[in-house]
C-alpha atoms as a PDB file:
ATOM      1  CA  MET A   1      12.971  12.541 -25.292  1.00  0.00           C
ATOM      2  CA  SER A   2      13.097   9.364 -23.242  1.00  0.00           C
ATOM      3  CA  PHE A   3      13.214   9.241 -19.475  1.00  0.00           C
ATOM      4  CA  GLY A   4      13.017   5.968 -17.605  1.00  0.00           C
ATOM      5  CA  GLY A   5      12.556   2.389 -18.656  1.00  0.00           C
ATOM      6  CA  LEU A   6      10.534   1.060 -21.551  1.00  0.00           C
ATOM      7  CA  ASN A   7       7.235   0.971 -19.646  1.00  0.00           C
ATOM      8  CA  SER A   8       7.785   3.736 -17.119  1.00  0.00           C
ATOM      9  CA  MET A   9       4.826   5.949 -16.357  1.00  0.00           C
ATOM     10  CA  TRP A  10       3.888   9.175 -14.659  1.00  0.00           C
ATOM     11  CA  VAL A  11       0.963   9.264 -12.242  1.00  0.00           C
ATOM     12  CA  ILE A  12      -0.652  12.692 -12.022  1.00  0.00           C
ATOM     13  CA  VAL A  13      -3.217  13.466  -9.319  1.00  0.00           C
ATOM     14  CA  LEU A  14      -5.409  16.541  -9.737  1.00  0.00           C
ATOM     15  CA  PHE A  15      -7.758  17.545  -6.957  1.00  0.00           C
ATOM     16  CA  ASP A  16     -10.226  20.215  -5.990  1.00  0.00           C
ATOM     17  CA  LEU A  17     -11.049  19.827  -2.309  1.00  0.00           C
ATOM     18  CA  PRO A  18     -13.116  22.074  -0.081  1.00  0.00           C
ATOM     19  CA  THR A  19     -11.300  24.156   2.542  1.00  0.00           C
ATOM     20  CA  ASP A  20     -14.250  26.131   3.903  1.00  0.00           C
ATOM     21  CA  THR A  21     -14.302  24.554   7.380  1.00  0.00           C
ATOM     22  CA  PRO A  22     -11.579  23.514   9.832  1.00  0.00           C
ATOM     23  CA  GLU A  23     -12.463  19.819   9.235  1.00  0.00           C
ATOM     24  CA  ALA A  24     -12.297  20.257   5.430  1.00  0.00           C
ATOM     25  CA  ARG A  25      -8.882  21.943   5.736  1.00  0.00           C
ATOM     26  CA  LYS A  26      -7.685  19.060   7.903  1.00  0.00           C
ATOM     27  CA  GLN A  27      -8.866  16.507   5.314  1.00  0.00           C
ATOM     28  CA  TYR A  28      -7.125  18.512   2.566  1.00  0.00           C
ATOM     29  CA  THR A  29      -3.893  18.540   4.575  1.00  0.00           C
ATOM     30  CA  VAL A  30      -4.052  14.810   5.347  1.00  0.00           C
ATOM     31  CA  PHE A  31      -4.656  13.963   1.666  1.00  0.00           C
ATOM     32  CA  ARG A  32      -1.812  16.225   0.504  1.00  0.00           C
ATOM     33  CA  LYS A  33       0.591  14.773   3.104  1.00  0.00           C
ATOM     34  CA  HIS A  34      -0.297  11.255   1.961  1.00  0.00           C
ATOM     35  CA  LEU A  35       0.669  12.187  -1.597  1.00  0.00           C
ATOM     36  CA  LEU A  36       4.006  13.599  -0.414  1.00  0.00           C
ATOM     37  CA  THR A  37       4.692  10.539   1.755  1.00  0.00           C
ATOM     38  CA  ASP A  38       4.039   8.293  -1.258  1.00  0.00           C
ATOM     39  CA  GLY A  39       6.654  10.132  -3.324  1.00  0.00           C
ATOM     40  CA  PHE A  40       4.486  12.614  -5.215  1.00  0.00           C
ATOM     41  CA  THR A  41       5.779  16.130  -5.799  1.00  0.00           C
ATOM     42  CA  MET A  42       3.794  19.260  -6.467  1.00  0.00           C
ATOM     43  CA  MET A  43       3.553  20.074 -10.163  1.00  0.00           C
ATOM     44  CA  GLN A  44       1.156  23.007  -9.617  1.00  0.00           C
ATOM     45  CA  TYR A  45      -1.289  23.842  -6.844  1.00  0.00           C
ATOM     46  CA  SER A  46      -3.548  20.812  -6.365  1.00  0.00           C
ATOM     47  CA  VAL A  47      -1.655  18.900  -9.087  1.00  0.00           C
ATOM     48  CA  TYR A  48       0.884  16.312  -7.941  1.00  0.00           C
ATOM     49  CA  MET A  49       2.996  13.904  -9.959  1.00  0.00           C
ATOM     50  CA  ARG A  50       5.049  10.784  -9.385  1.00  0.00           C
ATOM     51  CA  HIS A  51       7.315   8.827 -11.693  1.00  0.00           C
ATOM     52  CA  SER A  52       6.831   5.060 -11.661  1.00  0.00           C
ATOM     53  CA  ALA A  53       9.220   2.500 -13.100  1.00  0.00           C
ATOM     54  CA  SER A  54       6.424   0.455 -14.696  1.00  0.00           C
ATOM     55  CA  GLU A  55       2.715   0.434 -15.420  1.00  0.00           C
ATOM     56  CA  GLU A  56       2.247  -2.056 -12.576  1.00  0.00           C
ATOM     57  CA  ASN A  57       4.032   0.304 -10.163  1.00  0.00           C
ATOM     58  CA  ALA A  58       1.855   3.197 -11.379  1.00  0.00           C
ATOM     59  CA  GLN A  59      -1.227   1.096 -10.593  1.00  0.00           C
ATOM     60  CA  VAL A  60       0.070   0.504  -7.048  1.00  0.00           C
ATOM     61  CA  HIS A  61       0.406   4.242  -6.440  1.00  0.00           C
ATOM     62  CA  ALA A  62      -2.979   5.022  -8.020  1.00  0.00           C
ATOM     63  CA  LYS A  63      -4.546   2.425  -5.714  1.00  0.00           C
ATOM     64  CA  ARG A  64      -2.895   4.083  -2.695  1.00  0.00           C
ATOM     65  CA  VAL A  65      -4.405   7.414  -3.726  1.00  0.00           C
ATOM     66  CA  LYS A  66      -7.845   5.806  -4.058  1.00  0.00           C
ATOM     67  CA  LEU A  67      -7.546   4.322  -0.554  1.00  0.00           C
ATOM     68  CA  ARG A  68      -6.938   7.820   0.868  1.00  0.00           C
ATOM     69  CA  LEU A  69      -9.656   9.740  -0.982  1.00  0.00           C
ATOM     70  CA  PRO A  70     -11.193  12.462   1.166  1.00  0.00           C
ATOM     71  CA  PRO A  71     -14.969  12.314   1.753  1.00  0.00           C
ATOM     72  CA  ASP A  72     -15.674  15.480  -0.281  1.00  0.00           C
ATOM     73  CA  GLY A  73     -14.262  17.170  -3.357  1.00  0.00           C
ATOM     74  CA  GLU A  74     -13.015  15.914  -6.705  1.00  0.00           C
ATOM     75  CA  VAL A  75      -9.884  13.851  -7.369  1.00  0.00           C
ATOM     76  CA  ARG A  76      -8.650  12.731 -10.784  1.00  0.00           C
ATOM     77  CA  ILE A  77      -5.820  10.289 -11.462  1.00  0.00           C
ATOM     78  CA  ILE A  78      -4.079  10.325 -14.826  1.00  0.00           C
ATOM     79  CA  LYS A  79      -1.420   7.824 -15.881  1.00  0.00           C
ATOM     80  CA  ILE A  80       0.726   8.764 -18.868  1.00  0.00           C
ATOM     81  CA  THR A  81       3.822   7.341 -20.510  1.00  0.00           C
ATOM     82  CA  ASP A  82       7.236   9.009 -20.471  1.00  0.00           C
ATOM     83  CA  LYS A  83       6.747   9.881 -24.136  1.00  0.00           C
ATOM     84  CA  GLN A  84       3.439  11.625 -23.410  1.00  0.00           C
ATOM     85  CA  PHE A  85       4.965  13.413 -20.414  1.00  0.00           C
ATOM     86  CA  GLY A  86       7.820  14.591 -22.625  1.00  0.00           C
ATOM     87  CA  ARG A  87       5.307  16.361 -24.885  1.00  0.00           C
ATOM     88  CA  ILE A  88       4.029  18.614 -22.084  1.00  0.00           C
ATOM     89  CA  GLU A  89       4.724  22.252 -22.834  1.00  0.00           C
ATOM     90  CA  VAL A  90       5.496  24.330 -19.735  1.00  0.00           C
ATOM     91  CA  PHE A  91       5.411  28.129 -19.784  1.00  0.00           C
ATOM     92  CA  TYR A  92       6.206  30.714 -17.132  1.00  0.00           C
ATOM     93  CA  GLY A  93       4.695  33.831 -18.626  1.00  0.00           C
ATOM     94  CA  LYS A  94       5.764  33.693 -22.265  1.00  0.00           C
ATOM     95  CA  LYS A  95       9.018  31.850 -21.534  1.00  0.00           C
ATOM     96  CA  ARG A  96       9.055  28.141 -22.205  1.00  0.00           C
ATOM     97  CA  ARG A  97      10.864  25.932 -19.709  1.00  0.00           C
ATOM     98  CA  LYS A  98      11.992  22.305 -19.678  1.00  0.00           C
ATOM     99  CA  ILE A  99       9.696  19.770 -18.071  1.00  0.00           C
ATOM    100  CA  GLU A 100      10.680  17.987 -14.883  1.00  0.00           C
ATOM    101  CA  GLU A 101      13.138  15.119 -15.107  1.00  0.00           C
ATOM    102  CA  PRO A 102      12.272  11.748 -13.544  1.00  0.00           C
ATOM    103  CA  PRO A 103      14.219  10.647 -10.489  1.00  0.00           C
ATOM    104  CA  GLU A 104      17.380   8.629 -10.994  1.00  0.00           C
ATOM    105  CA  GLN A 105      16.712   4.890 -11.161  1.00  0.00           C
ATOM    106  CA  LEU A 106      19.004   2.499  -9.344  1.00  0.00           C
ATOM    107  CA  SER A 107      20.412  -0.386 -11.341  1.00  0.00           C
ATOM    108  CA  LEU A 108      21.105  -3.594  -9.468  1.00  0.00           C
ATOM    109  CA  PHE A 109      23.375  -6.150 -11.031  1.00  0.00           C
END
């Protein structure tokens, strides 16, 4: 199963942030909104993903995440290839479902 270009990547951000105070909830919300603004979509609660056309583009988005890290909690950034992403097994109960497709890429001539 091949998705994007030869070197396209997926950036996956996993986070566990505190929400026990109003300020912590605000920081959680700001961090989550930054991910959405940068093109990430929710894969599961506190797990967001973004398709990138190249490894260099994936690095740009990982750097943006690092610039917006909240002061508390844990954030992990994983970069995987399309081939690795295609090997993810997704289950809803005992039913297996297809993994997410990458966004359409524009071709300029």
